Amino acid sequence: MNNIPKTAKETIFSFIVGDIPLSEFETFLYESKEIEDSFKYDDYIELISLDFRKNHNRYEAIKIIEKNIDISEYEVWRLNKTFNNIIVKGKGYPLSIAFLYDLYCKGYYFLQKLGLEYGLLLDYPSEYGYKNLSELSESEQFRLADVFYPEIVYHVKLIRKSIEDGKILVTGKLDDYNNYIYIDNRNEEERIQSEF
C-alpha cells in the first residue's frame, strides 16, 4: 500500500474505523485509480462489485481492504488518531480516553497507565454510579475528562514518541486469544514510565 498517496490511505483508514459512510467510500472507490492499481486485481473487482447500499457490505469491504493494506500502518494511524484527539481535545475526546482502556484490554499492554489510570476511571466513573461514559451527557463527559489534563497529554506523547522512534512496534496482528501483538524495544526505565 506504499504506492497509494497519503490522502487515499487516510480515506481508506477513515472508512475502516467508521468515519466515512459506505456511499461516500463507494464514490471514492470508483474515482480512485490508485486503489485499482495497488489492490490485487480479483480483490479490486470483488470490492467494486459490492452493493454499497447494503450496510452489511461494510464488513465485506473491510475484509477485502485488509488483505491489500499494511495492517501495522493502519494500526499506527488508528493509535495516532486517538492520541491526537486526546492531545488537542478534539471531538469526543472523553471517548478517546476511554478507548485507551479497551486497547489495553485487547493486548496493547504498553498502554497500561493510560488505560487503567485514565481510560478505566473515565469509562465507568464512580461519581455517576459507575454508569458507562456513553450514557452521560457531553458536558458531564468533558467535566470528568478535563480533570486528567494536562498530565494525560504528557503520557500520551510519551507513548506516541516510543511508537514514532520504533521502540514500540505495532504489528497489526492478533495472537491466539485475539489480542494485539506488538514488539516492545523500550528499556526498563522507559517501560516503568508507562506502568500503572
Protein backbone atom coordinates (compact mmCIF):
# COMPACT_ATOMS: atom_id res chain seq x y z
CA MET A 1 0.00 0.00 0.00
CA ASN A 2 3.06 2.21 -0.03
CA ASN A 3 2.32 3.38 -3.57
CA ILE A 4 -1.04 4.84 -2.54
CA PRO A 5 -0.94 8.59 -1.84
CA LYS A 6 -1.33 9.65 1.76
CA THR A 7 -4.77 11.20 1.20
CA ALA A 8 -6.10 7.95 -0.27
CA LYS A 9 -4.69 6.00 2.69
CA GLU A 10 -6.39 8.45 5.05
CA THR A 11 -9.71 7.82 3.30
CA ILE A 12 -9.29 4.05 3.43
CA PHE A 13 -8.30 4.12 7.11
CA SER A 14 -11.15 6.51 7.96
CA PHE A 15 -13.56 4.14 6.26
CA ILE A 16 -12.28 1.18 8.27
CA VAL A 17 -12.78 2.99 11.60
CA GLY A 18 -16.28 4.04 10.56
CA ASP A 19 -15.74 7.76 9.98
CA ILE A 20 -16.80 7.53 6.32
CA PRO A 21 -20.20 6.16 5.25
CA LEU A 22 -20.48 3.41 2.66
CA SER A 23 -21.93 5.71 -0.01
CA GLU A 24 -19.06 8.19 0.32
CA PHE A 25 -16.49 5.40 0.21
CA GLU A 26 -18.16 3.97 -2.90
CA THR A 27 -17.73 7.31 -4.67
CA PHE A 28 -14.09 7.47 -3.62
CA LEU A 29 -13.51 3.90 -4.76
CA TYR A 30 -14.86 4.47 -8.26
CA GLU A 31 -12.81 7.65 -8.66
CA SER A 32 -9.56 6.24 -7.29
CA LYS A 33 -7.13 4.95 -9.90
CA GLU A 34 -4.62 4.35 -7.07
CA ILE A 35 -6.82 1.68 -5.48
CA GLU A 36 -7.28 -0.10 -8.78
CA ASP A 37 -3.54 -0.07 -9.39
CA SER A 38 -2.44 -1.20 -5.93
CA PHE A 39 -5.03 -3.82 -4.91
CA LYS A 40 -4.88 -7.38 -6.22
CA TYR A 41 -7.00 -7.48 -9.36
CA ASP A 42 -9.52 -10.05 -8.08
CA ASP A 43 -9.89 -8.21 -4.78
CA TYR A 44 -10.44 -4.91 -6.56
CA ILE A 45 -13.15 -6.44 -8.78
CA GLU A 46 -14.79 -8.03 -5.73
CA LEU A 47 -14.68 -4.71 -3.88
CA ILE A 48 -16.26 -2.62 -6.63
CA SER A 49 -18.87 -5.36 -7.17
CA LEU A 50 -20.27 -4.96 -3.65
CA ASP A 51 -23.68 -3.36 -3.25
CA PHE A 52 -22.77 -0.34 -1.14
CA ARG A 53 -26.45 0.37 -0.43
CA LYS A 54 -26.46 -2.57 1.99
CA ASN A 55 -24.86 -1.81 5.36
CA HIS A 56 -23.69 -5.38 5.94
CA ASN A 57 -21.35 -4.96 2.97
CA ARG A 58 -19.20 -2.58 5.06
CA TYR A 59 -17.81 -5.66 6.79
CA GLU A 60 -17.21 -7.41 3.44
CA ALA A 61 -15.44 -4.33 2.07
CA ILE A 62 -13.20 -4.11 5.13
CA LYS A 63 -12.24 -7.79 4.81
CA ILE A 64 -11.14 -7.20 1.21
CA ILE A 65 -9.31 -3.98 2.07
CA GLU A 66 -7.42 -5.60 4.96
CA LYS A 67 -5.96 -8.17 2.57
CA ASN A 68 -4.46 -5.35 0.50
CA ILE A 69 -3.09 -2.90 3.04
CA ASP A 70 -0.32 -2.85 5.60
CA ILE A 71 -2.30 -3.56 8.78
CA SER A 72 0.54 -2.34 11.01
CA GLU A 73 0.46 1.02 9.21
CA TYR A 74 -3.30 1.19 9.77
CA GLU A 75 -2.91 0.35 13.48
CA VAL A 76 -0.29 3.06 13.96
CA TRP A 77 -2.61 5.51 12.18
CA ARG A 78 -5.53 4.49 14.41
CA LEU A 79 -3.47 4.88 17.58
CA ASN A 80 -2.18 8.28 16.46
CA LYS A 81 -5.70 9.40 15.59
CA THR A 82 -6.76 8.54 19.15
CA PHE A 83 -3.67 10.13 20.69
CA ASN A 84 -4.04 13.35 18.68
CA ASN A 85 -7.71 13.65 19.53
CA ILE A 86 -6.83 13.44 23.23
CA ILE A 87 -3.98 15.94 22.97
CA VAL A 88 -5.98 18.61 21.12
CA LYS A 89 -9.25 17.84 22.94
CA GLY A 90 -10.92 17.08 19.64
CA LYS A 91 -14.45 15.88 19.02
CA GLY A 92 -15.47 13.27 21.57
CA TYR A 93 -12.09 13.28 23.31
CA PRO A 94 -13.52 11.73 26.52
CA LEU A 95 -14.50 8.67 24.46
CA SER A 96 -10.97 8.57 23.02
CA ILE A 97 -9.59 8.48 26.56
CA ALA A 98 -11.97 5.67 27.50
CA PHE A 99 -10.92 3.83 24.31
CA LEU A 100 -7.39 3.57 25.74
CA TYR A 101 -8.74 1.09 28.28
CA ASP A 102 -10.28 -1.03 25.51
CA LEU A 103 -6.98 -1.03 23.62
CA TYR A 104 -5.10 -2.01 26.77
CA CYS A 105 -7.53 -4.90 27.40
CA LYS A 106 -7.10 -6.06 23.79
CA GLY A 107 -3.37 -6.56 24.23
CA TYR A 108 -1.69 -3.17 23.91
CA TYR A 109 -0.15 -3.50 27.35
CA PHE A 110 2.16 -0.57 26.69
CA LEU A 111 -1.00 1.49 27.35
CA GLN A 112 -1.20 0.21 30.94
CA LYS A 113 -1.00 3.61 32.65
CA LEU A 114 -3.19 5.35 30.07
CA GLY A 115 -5.70 2.52 30.03
CA LEU A 116 -6.03 1.93 33.77
CA GLU A 117 -5.33 5.34 35.28
CA TYR A 118 -7.37 7.34 32.78
CA GLY A 119 -9.42 5.15 30.44
CA LEU A 120 -10.95 2.82 33.02
CA LEU A 121 -11.70 5.60 35.51
CA LEU A 122 -13.42 7.59 32.80
CA ASP A 123 -15.26 4.67 31.22
CA TYR A 124 -17.18 3.85 34.42
CA PRO A 125 -16.96 6.92 36.70
CA SER A 126 -17.81 6.36 40.36
CA GLU A 127 -19.32 9.87 40.60
CA TYR A 128 -22.16 8.71 38.36
CA GLY A 129 -22.79 5.33 39.94
CA TYR A 130 -20.42 3.55 37.55
CA LYS A 131 -22.60 4.31 34.52
CA ASN A 132 -20.86 3.84 31.22
CA LEU A 133 -19.36 7.08 29.88
CA SER A 134 -21.53 6.95 26.77
CA GLU A 135 -24.63 7.18 28.99
CA LEU A 136 -23.56 10.59 30.32
CA SER A 137 -24.22 13.96 28.73
CA GLU A 138 -21.45 15.57 26.73
CA SER A 139 -20.89 18.24 29.41
CA GLU A 140 -20.59 15.55 32.10
CA GLN A 141 -18.08 13.66 29.93
CA PHE A 142 -15.99 16.81 29.41
CA ARG A 143 -16.04 17.67 33.11
CA LEU A 144 -14.77 14.21 34.03
CA ALA A 145 -12.12 14.10 31.29
CA ASP A 146 -10.77 17.59 31.92
CA VAL A 147 -9.58 16.52 35.36
CA PHE A 148 -6.89 14.44 33.65
CA TYR A 149 -5.34 17.43 31.87
CA PRO A 150 -2.52 18.35 31.40
CA GLU A 151 -0.97 15.18 32.92
CA ILE A 152 -2.57 12.80 30.40
CA VAL A 153 -1.03 14.72 27.49
CA TYR A 154 2.46 14.01 28.81
CA HIS A 155 1.80 10.26 28.98
CA VAL A 156 0.11 10.14 25.56
CA LYS A 157 3.06 11.95 23.98
CA LEU A 158 5.48 9.57 25.72
CA ILE A 159 3.83 6.52 24.13
CA ARG A 160 3.39 8.24 20.78
CA LYS A 161 7.11 9.08 20.71
CA SER A 162 8.03 5.45 21.55
CA ILE A 163 5.98 4.35 18.53
CA GLU A 164 7.47 7.05 16.28
CA ASP A 165 11.00 6.10 17.39
CA GLY A 166 10.38 2.41 16.69
CA LYS A 167 10.76 1.44 20.34
CA ILE A 168 7.21 0.06 20.25
CA LEU A 169 6.47 -1.78 17.01
CA VAL A 170 2.79 -2.30 16.34
CA THR A 171 2.36 -5.34 14.09
CA GLY A 172 -1.36 -5.20 13.39
CA LYS A 173 -1.53 -8.95 14.06
CA LEU A 174 -3.56 -10.82 16.64
CA ASP A 175 -2.46 -13.70 18.85
CA ASP A 176 -4.43 -16.90 19.51
CA TYR A 177 -6.53 -15.06 22.11
CA ASN A 178 -7.41 -12.24 19.69
CA ASN A 179 -5.11 -9.77 21.45
CA TYR A 180 -2.93 -7.31 19.57
CA ILE A 181 0.70 -8.30 19.11
CA TYR A 182 3.45 -5.71 19.39
CA ILE A 183 7.20 -5.67 19.99
CA ASP A 184 8.45 -3.59 22.91
CA ASN A 185 12.06 -2.47 22.48
CA ARG A 186 11.98 0.10 25.28
CA ASN A 187 14.45 -0.17 28.12
CA GLU A 188 13.33 -0.86 31.70
CA GLU A 189 13.24 2.82 32.65
CA GLU A 190 11.08 3.69 29.63
CA ARG A 191 8.68 0.83 30.41
CA ILE A 192 8.30 1.91 34.04
CA GLN A 193 7.14 5.35 32.89
CA SER A 194 4.08 3.81 31.26
CA GLU A 195 3.19 1.38 34.07
CA PHE A 196 0.25 1.92 36.40
